[in-house]
């Protein structure tokens, strides 16, 4: 078995004139490069003139290139860009979704609708050269945002391209939205490589649940497993299944095996037989970062590996070659955010501990 590789810092607060880096997303392209995304902020606030920035690695994360600004609100928008969520279509084009908060607004000071001075809008940009350059932002608000929604958020993290069944090659992007004090999750999906999007139905949920930041993974059956944080008292993840390519989902339920302190998490498939899930395994604190593994499509999680015993917040995973996994994650050191990357081995047998 391959051993652990020491974590490297990809984005450090204060770097390149930005006060804070948060909200990591990680994607391994078909050609083999790793593209890391983050929000580059003027402060630790969620809407602090955020740009979306990237770094690229061509050696599975051992080294990273210079930071590049993928999209900046200073380019004719003002305000903040949030929630990077990326997928690759069958033409090997990267498709990135993110949101725009108008200047001087925040999550609880915006309005429903598709346009206006206090409306959160959704955007898409594309890269045809593995994340080196990006197209101008395309407004997709009317396609992906429910009319009643006050806020929307893609992911953050990654979307998926389906590889099985009658919806093969469909792009599925996970979203959440807020109305009043309630959050809901759903998916947007595209059957034409991201040129047009349809909005799926929201996932129904019990009164004590507020499903929020969300990721999805395709199962071997072709169904989609949804996994979201619960923005409420019960410290367990929310899960749901789609049998129709993300258009509809079963009513959400709590997964008592996956405790969570109200934090974003990451779920991905490793080859044909294993799912991996990362989050801070604690009921009250964002610490004890773990990756857990399932051989039965998420019904049980018998194997685990600890990444960080201390601070561990948002994370995103990507499958690498040579039976390895790349994990991009946030940790707080002396009050400042670092976004680190670590390579870990994939488990070789159910129940294997590290």
Protein backbone atom coordinates (compact mmCIF):
# COMPACT_ATOMS: atom_id res chain seq x y z
CA UNK A 1 0.00 0.00 0.00
CA UNK A 2 1.15 3.53 -0.76
CA UNK A 3 1.85 5.63 2.30
CA UNK A 4 0.57 9.05 3.28
CA UNK A 5 2.02 12.07 1.52
CA UNK A 6 2.57 15.22 3.59
CA UNK A 7 -0.05 17.92 3.14
CA UNK A 8 0.90 20.96 1.07
CA UNK A 9 -0.64 24.43 1.29
CA UNK A 10 -2.30 25.45 -1.97
CA UNK A 11 -3.94 28.74 -0.91
CA UNK A 12 -2.75 30.72 2.14
CA UNK A 13 -4.60 33.72 3.55
CA UNK A 14 -2.75 36.92 2.68
CA UNK A 15 -1.32 35.49 -0.55
CA UNK A 16 -1.50 37.70 -3.68
CA UNK A 17 -3.23 40.51 -1.81
CA UNK A 18 -6.30 38.55 -0.73
CA UNK A 19 -7.18 38.47 2.97
CA UNK A 20 -8.81 35.03 3.04
CA UNK A 21 -9.19 31.93 0.86
CA UNK A 22 -12.18 29.67 1.43
CA UNK A 23 -14.55 27.19 -0.25
CA UNK A 24 -12.24 24.67 -2.01
CA UNK A 25 -13.21 22.70 -5.09
CA UNK A 26 -10.98 20.11 -6.76
CA UNK A 27 -11.30 18.45 -10.15
CA UNK A 28 -9.07 16.00 -12.03
CA UNK A 29 -9.50 16.44 -15.76
CA UNK A 30 -9.63 13.61 -18.29
CA UNK A 31 -6.15 14.65 -19.42
CA UNK A 32 -4.82 14.21 -15.88
CA UNK A 33 -4.29 17.71 -14.49
CA UNK A 34 -5.71 18.78 -11.14
CA UNK A 35 -7.52 22.10 -10.97
CA UNK A 36 -8.05 23.64 -7.51
CA UNK A 37 -10.63 26.40 -7.02
CA UNK A 38 -11.28 28.76 -4.12
CA UNK A 39 -13.02 32.00 -3.22
CA UNK A 40 -10.42 34.76 -2.75
CA UNK A 41 -11.93 37.23 -0.28
CA UNK A 42 -11.21 40.73 1.03
CA UNK A 43 -12.11 39.48 4.54
CA UNK A 44 -13.44 36.34 6.18
CA UNK A 45 -17.02 37.41 5.44
CA UNK A 46 -18.97 35.25 2.98
CA UNK A 47 -19.59 38.18 0.60
CA UNK A 48 -16.35 40.18 0.68
CA UNK A 49 -15.68 41.14 -2.95
CA UNK A 50 -14.84 37.48 -3.64
CA UNK A 51 -13.10 36.43 -6.84
CA UNK A 52 -12.95 32.80 -8.00
CA UNK A 53 -9.30 31.75 -8.30
CA UNK A 54 -7.51 28.61 -9.48
CA UNK A 55 -4.21 26.76 -9.32
CA UNK A 56 -3.24 23.82 -11.53
CA UNK A 57 -1.07 20.79 -10.78
CA UNK A 58 0.31 18.43 -13.40
CA UNK A 59 1.89 15.97 -10.95
CA UNK A 60 -1.12 14.85 -8.87
CA UNK A 61 -0.70 17.71 -6.42
CA UNK A 62 2.99 17.42 -5.54
CA UNK A 63 3.50 20.94 -6.91
CA UNK A 64 1.10 23.71 -7.93
CA UNK A 65 1.39 26.49 -10.48
CA UNK A 66 0.79 30.18 -9.95
CA UNK A 67 -2.60 31.42 -8.84
CA UNK A 68 -4.86 32.65 -11.62
CA UNK A 69 -8.08 34.66 -11.31
CA UNK A 70 -10.78 32.60 -12.99
CA UNK A 71 -13.59 35.14 -12.54
CA UNK A 72 -13.59 38.49 -10.72
CA UNK A 73 -16.58 40.69 -9.82
CA UNK A 74 -14.40 43.71 -10.56
CA UNK A 75 -14.84 42.90 -14.26
CA UNK A 76 -18.10 44.84 -14.65
CA UNK A 77 -20.06 43.30 -11.78
CA UNK A 78 -18.98 44.52 -8.37
CA UNK A 79 -20.15 42.55 -5.36
CA UNK A 80 -18.99 38.96 -4.75
CA UNK A 81 -18.70 35.65 -6.57
CA UNK A 82 -19.42 32.52 -4.49
CA UNK A 83 -19.71 28.74 -4.43
CA UNK A 84 -17.52 27.31 -7.22
CA UNK A 85 -18.87 23.97 -8.46
CA UNK A 86 -17.25 22.30 -11.47
CA UNK A 87 -17.85 19.38 -13.82
CA UNK A 88 -16.33 18.17 -17.11
CA UNK A 89 -18.52 17.35 -20.10
CA UNK A 90 -17.90 14.58 -22.64
CA UNK A 91 -16.03 17.06 -24.86
CA UNK A 92 -13.49 17.58 -22.04
CA UNK A 93 -14.69 21.12 -21.42
CA UNK A 94 -14.75 22.24 -17.77
CA UNK A 95 -18.08 23.80 -16.81
CA UNK A 96 -18.04 25.97 -13.67
CA UNK A 97 -21.12 27.30 -11.87
CA UNK A 98 -21.01 30.11 -9.29
CA UNK A 99 -23.24 32.86 -7.90
CA UNK A 100 -23.12 36.65 -7.76
CA UNK A 101 -24.08 38.71 -4.71
CA UNK A 102 -24.60 42.39 -5.61
CA UNK A 103 -22.41 44.98 -3.92
CA UNK A 104 -23.20 45.65 -0.24
CA UNK A 105 -25.49 42.60 0.09
CA UNK A 106 -25.16 39.36 2.02
CA UNK A 107 -27.14 36.15 2.46
CA UNK A 108 -29.86 37.72 4.60
CA UNK A 109 -30.12 40.99 2.65
CA UNK A 110 -31.17 39.77 -0.80
CA UNK A 111 -34.48 39.26 -2.58
CA UNK A 112 -36.22 36.64 -4.70
CA UNK A 113 -36.26 37.00 -8.48
CA UNK A 114 -34.02 36.73 -11.51
CA UNK A 115 -32.72 40.32 -11.77
CA UNK A 116 -32.44 43.47 -9.71
CA UNK A 117 -30.08 45.30 -7.33
CA UNK A 118 -30.62 42.82 -4.49
CA UNK A 119 -30.97 39.55 -6.39
CA UNK A 120 -28.52 36.62 -6.25
CA UNK A 121 -27.85 35.40 -9.77
CA UNK A 122 -26.30 32.22 -11.14
CA UNK A 123 -23.49 32.14 -13.70
CA UNK A 124 -21.56 29.65 -15.81
CA UNK A 125 -18.08 29.86 -17.31
CA UNK A 126 -16.19 27.25 -19.34
CA UNK A 127 -12.60 26.24 -19.97
CA UNK A 128 -11.51 24.28 -23.02
CA UNK A 129 -7.82 24.15 -22.04
CA UNK A 130 -7.93 22.38 -18.68
CA UNK A 131 -8.55 25.44 -16.51
CA UNK A 132 -5.93 27.78 -17.97
CA UNK A 133 -8.42 30.23 -19.50
CA UNK A 134 -12.15 30.79 -19.00
CA UNK A 135 -15.00 32.23 -21.04
CA UNK A 136 -16.92 35.35 -20.02
CA UNK A 137 -19.64 34.60 -17.42
CA UNK A 138 -23.00 33.51 -18.84
CA UNK A 139 -26.11 34.36 -16.81
CA UNK A 140 -28.08 31.13 -16.20
CA UNK A 141 -30.27 32.44 -13.35
CA UNK A 142 -33.61 31.78 -15.03
CA UNK A 143 -32.59 28.22 -15.87
CA UNK A 144 -31.31 27.15 -12.43
CA UNK A 145 -33.01 29.36 -9.81
CA UNK A 146 -36.51 28.69 -8.45
CA UNK A 147 -38.71 31.79 -8.70
CA UNK A 148 -39.38 31.81 -4.95
CA UNK A 149 -35.72 31.41 -3.97
CA UNK A 150 -33.99 34.23 -2.12
CA UNK A 151 -30.53 32.64 -2.35
CA UNK A 152 -29.08 29.85 -4.46
CA UNK A 153 -25.77 28.06 -4.09
CA UNK A 154 -24.17 25.49 -6.37
CA UNK A 155 -22.40 22.74 -4.41
CA UNK A 156 -19.88 23.96 -3.49
CA UNK A 157 -17.48 21.34 -4.83
CA UNK A 158 -18.20 19.36 -7.97
CA UNK A 159 -21.00 18.25 -10.22
CA UNK A 160 -21.07 14.87 -11.97
CA UNK A 161 -21.40 13.53 -15.51
CA UNK A 162 -23.50 10.37 -15.57
CA UNK A 163 -21.83 7.36 -17.19
CA UNK A 164 -24.63 4.77 -16.93
CA UNK A 165 -28.17 4.23 -18.14
CA UNK A 166 -30.48 6.22 -20.39
CA UNK A 167 -29.19 9.55 -19.04
CA UNK A 168 -25.56 8.78 -19.88
CA UNK A 169 -23.47 11.96 -20.37
CA UNK A 170 -26.01 14.13 -18.53
CA UNK A 171 -24.36 16.82 -16.40
CA UNK A 172 -25.83 17.09 -12.91
CA UNK A 173 -25.07 20.10 -10.71
CA UNK A 174 -26.22 20.08 -7.07
CA UNK A 175 -27.84 23.23 -5.65
CA UNK A 176 -29.50 24.58 -2.52
CA UNK A 177 -31.75 27.58 -2.04
CA UNK A 178 -33.36 29.52 0.81
CA UNK A 179 -36.87 30.87 1.32
CA UNK A 180 -37.36 32.57 4.70
CA UNK A 181 -35.66 30.37 7.29
CA UNK A 182 -35.91 27.17 5.26
CA UNK A 183 -33.29 25.67 2.94
CA UNK A 184 -33.99 23.16 0.20
CA UNK A 185 -31.78 21.11 -2.12
CA UNK A 186 -32.24 20.12 -5.76
CA UNK A 187 -30.23 19.53 -8.92
CA UNK A 188 -29.91 21.32 -12.23
CA UNK A 189 -29.12 19.10 -15.19
CA UNK A 190 -28.04 19.42 -18.82
CA UNK A 191 -28.28 16.93 -21.68
CA UNK A 192 -26.34 19.08 -24.16
CA UNK A 193 -22.94 19.43 -22.46
CA UNK A 194 -23.96 22.49 -20.45
CA UNK A 195 -25.41 24.71 -23.17
CA UNK A 196 -28.85 24.62 -21.55
CA UNK A 197 -30.00 23.63 -18.07
CA UNK A 198 -33.22 22.33 -16.54
CA UNK A 199 -34.09 22.67 -12.88
CA UNK A 200 -35.11 19.51 -11.07
CA UNK A 201 -37.70 19.31 -8.32
CA UNK A 202 -36.71 20.21 -4.80
CA UNK A 203 -36.05 17.37 -2.37
CA UNK A 204 -38.88 17.11 0.13
CA UNK A 205 -37.74 16.94 3.75
CA UNK A 206 -39.11 16.58 7.28
CA UNK A 207 -39.77 19.70 9.34
CA UNK A 208 -36.69 19.18 11.52
CA UNK A 209 -34.38 19.14 8.48
CA UNK A 210 -32.84 22.03 6.58
CA UNK A 211 -30.77 20.40 3.84
CA UNK A 212 -28.16 22.88 2.69
CA UNK A 213 -24.73 22.63 0.98
CA UNK A 214 -24.89 19.49 -1.14
CA UNK A 215 -22.97 17.01 -3.28
CA UNK A 216 -24.05 14.03 -5.41
CA UNK A 217 -22.51 10.80 -6.67
CA UNK A 218 -23.65 8.26 -9.28
CA UNK A 219 -24.24 4.73 -8.00
CA UNK A 220 -23.50 1.54 -9.96
CA UNK A 221 -27.25 1.19 -10.57
CA UNK A 222 -27.28 4.53 -12.39
CA UNK A 223 -29.19 6.14 -9.52
CA UNK A 224 -27.86 9.32 -7.88
CA UNK A 225 -27.10 9.54 -4.16
CA UNK A 226 -27.42 13.04 -2.71
CA UNK A 227 -25.58 13.99 0.48
CA UNK A 228 -26.14 17.38 2.19
CA UNK A 229 -25.38 19.16 5.43
CA UNK A 230 -28.28 19.78 7.83
CA UNK A 231 -28.67 23.47 8.68
CA UNK A 232 -30.58 22.57 11.86
CA UNK A 233 -30.15 21.00 15.29
CA UNK A 234 -29.74 17.34 14.38
CA UNK A 235 -26.04 16.72 13.70
CA UNK A 236 -26.36 14.16 10.94
CA UNK A 237 -26.03 14.28 7.15
CA UNK A 238 -29.10 14.35 4.89
CA UNK A 239 -29.38 11.79 2.08
CA UNK A 240 -31.76 11.14 -0.82
CA UNK A 241 -31.93 9.07 -4.03
CA UNK A 242 -32.83 9.91 -7.61
CA UNK A 243 -33.93 7.23 -10.09
CA UNK A 244 -34.36 9.62 -13.03
CA UNK A 245 -31.04 11.34 -13.47
CA UNK A 246 -31.56 14.11 -10.93
CA UNK A 247 -34.95 15.38 -12.08
CA UNK A 248 -36.63 14.15 -8.88
CA UNK A 249 -35.44 12.67 -5.58
CA UNK A 250 -36.92 10.60 -2.80
CA UNK A 251 -37.85 12.43 0.43
CA UNK A 252 -34.66 13.18 2.35
CA UNK A 253 -33.70 11.17 5.43
CA UNK A 254 -31.02 11.47 8.10
CA UNK A 255 -27.97 9.20 7.92
CA UNK A 256 -27.14 8.42 11.56
CA UNK A 257 -23.79 6.88 10.49
CA UNK A 258 -22.52 10.24 9.22
CA UNK A 259 -22.38 12.75 12.05
CA UNK A 260 -21.56 16.32 11.11
CA UNK A 261 -21.20 19.68 12.93
CA UNK A 262 -23.12 21.58 10.17
CA UNK A 263 -20.40 21.74 7.53
CA UNK A 264 -19.97 21.13 3.83
CA UNK A 265 -18.73 17.64 2.91
CA UNK A 266 -17.51 15.77 -0.18
CA UNK A 267 -18.59 12.47 -1.71
CA UNK A 268 -17.08 10.73 -4.73
CA UNK A 269 -16.72 7.35 -6.43
CA UNK A 270 -13.39 5.53 -6.57
CA UNK A 271 -13.50 3.16 -9.52
CA UNK A 272 -16.46 0.79 -9.72
CA UNK A 273 -16.70 -0.49 -6.17
CA UNK A 274 -15.96 2.17 -3.54
CA UNK A 275 -17.49 5.46 -2.39
CA UNK A 276 -15.49 7.97 -0.35
CA UNK A 277 -16.91 10.66 1.93
CA UNK A 278 -15.01 13.44 3.73
CA UNK A 279 -16.11 15.83 6.48
CA UNK A 280 -15.26 16.86 10.06
CA UNK A 281 -16.44 13.95 12.22
CA UNK A 282 -17.69 15.83 15.27
CA UNK A 283 -21.12 16.93 16.47
CA UNK A 284 -20.21 20.44 17.58
CA UNK A 285 -16.81 21.44 16.15
CA UNK A 286 -15.28 21.58 12.70
CA UNK A 287 -12.38 19.33 13.54
CA UNK A 288 -11.30 15.67 13.22
CA UNK A 289 -11.21 15.56 9.44
CA UNK A 290 -11.88 12.05 8.15
CA UNK A 291 -12.33 10.21 4.87
CA UNK A 292 -14.67 7.25 5.15
CA UNK A 293 -15.18 4.43 2.62
CA UNK A 294 -18.18 2.34 1.58
CA UNK A 295 -18.34 -0.85 -0.48
CA UNK A 296 -22.15 -1.06 -0.52
CA UNK A 297 -23.13 2.22 -2.20
CA UNK A 298 -23.22 4.25 1.02
CA UNK A 299 -25.27 1.91 3.18
CA UNK A 300 -22.34 1.36 5.57
CA UNK A 301 -18.94 3.07 6.01
CA UNK A 302 -16.67 0.44 7.62
CA UNK A 303 -13.26 2.00 6.78
CA UNK A 304 -11.85 5.40 7.61
CA UNK A 305 -8.70 7.53 7.58
CA UNK A 306 -8.00 10.62 9.66
CA UNK A 307 -6.57 13.58 7.74
CA UNK A 308 -6.47 16.30 10.41
CA UNK A 309 -7.14 15.78 14.15
CA UNK A 310 -7.59 19.53 14.64
CA UNK A 311 -9.31 22.15 12.49
CA UNK A 312 -10.95 20.71 9.36
CA UNK A 313 -13.72 22.47 7.50
CA UNK A 314 -14.84 22.39 3.85
CA UNK A 315 -13.28 19.71 1.61
CA UNK A 316 -13.35 18.30 -1.90
CA UNK A 317 -11.94 15.00 -3.22
CA UNK A 318 -10.74 13.68 -6.56
CA UNK A 319 -9.67 10.17 -7.58
CA UNK A 320 -6.05 9.95 -8.72
CA UNK A 321 -4.05 7.21 -10.43
CA UNK A 322 -2.10 4.53 -8.56
CA UNK A 323 -4.92 3.91 -6.07
CA UNK A 324 -4.72 7.34 -4.50
CA UNK A 325 -7.17 10.11 -3.59
CA UNK A 326 -6.52 13.84 -3.60
CA UNK A 327 -8.21 15.88 -0.87
CA UNK A 328 -8.37 19.69 -0.89
CA UNK A 329 -9.55 21.06 2.44
CA UNK A 330 -9.74 24.07 4.74
CA UNK A 331 -7.98 24.29 8.08
CA UNK A 332 -7.69 27.29 10.42
CA UNK A 333 -4.28 28.10 11.90
CA UNK A 334 -3.95 31.03 14.33
CA UNK A 335 -7.26 32.45 13.12
CA UNK A 336 -6.35 32.33 9.41
CA UNK A 337 -7.64 29.94 6.77
CA UNK A 338 -5.31 27.67 4.84
CA UNK A 339 -6.47 25.47 1.98
CA UNK A 340 -4.30 22.36 1.98
CA UNK A 341 -3.99 19.37 -0.31
CA UNK A 342 -3.17 15.83 0.74
CA UNK A 343 -2.81 12.56 -1.13
CA UNK A 344 -3.99 9.43 0.62
CA UNK A 345 -4.16 5.76 -0.42
CA UNK A 346 -7.43 4.14 -1.34
CA UNK A 347 -8.43 1.24 0.92
CA UNK A 348 -7.88 -2.23 -0.47
CA UNK A 349 -10.49 -4.19 1.47
CA UNK A 350 -13.74 -3.54 3.33
CA UNK A 351 -13.15 -2.65 6.96
CA UNK A 352 -9.50 -1.76 6.45
CA UNK A 353 -8.31 0.87 8.93
CA UNK A 354 -5.33 3.17 8.42
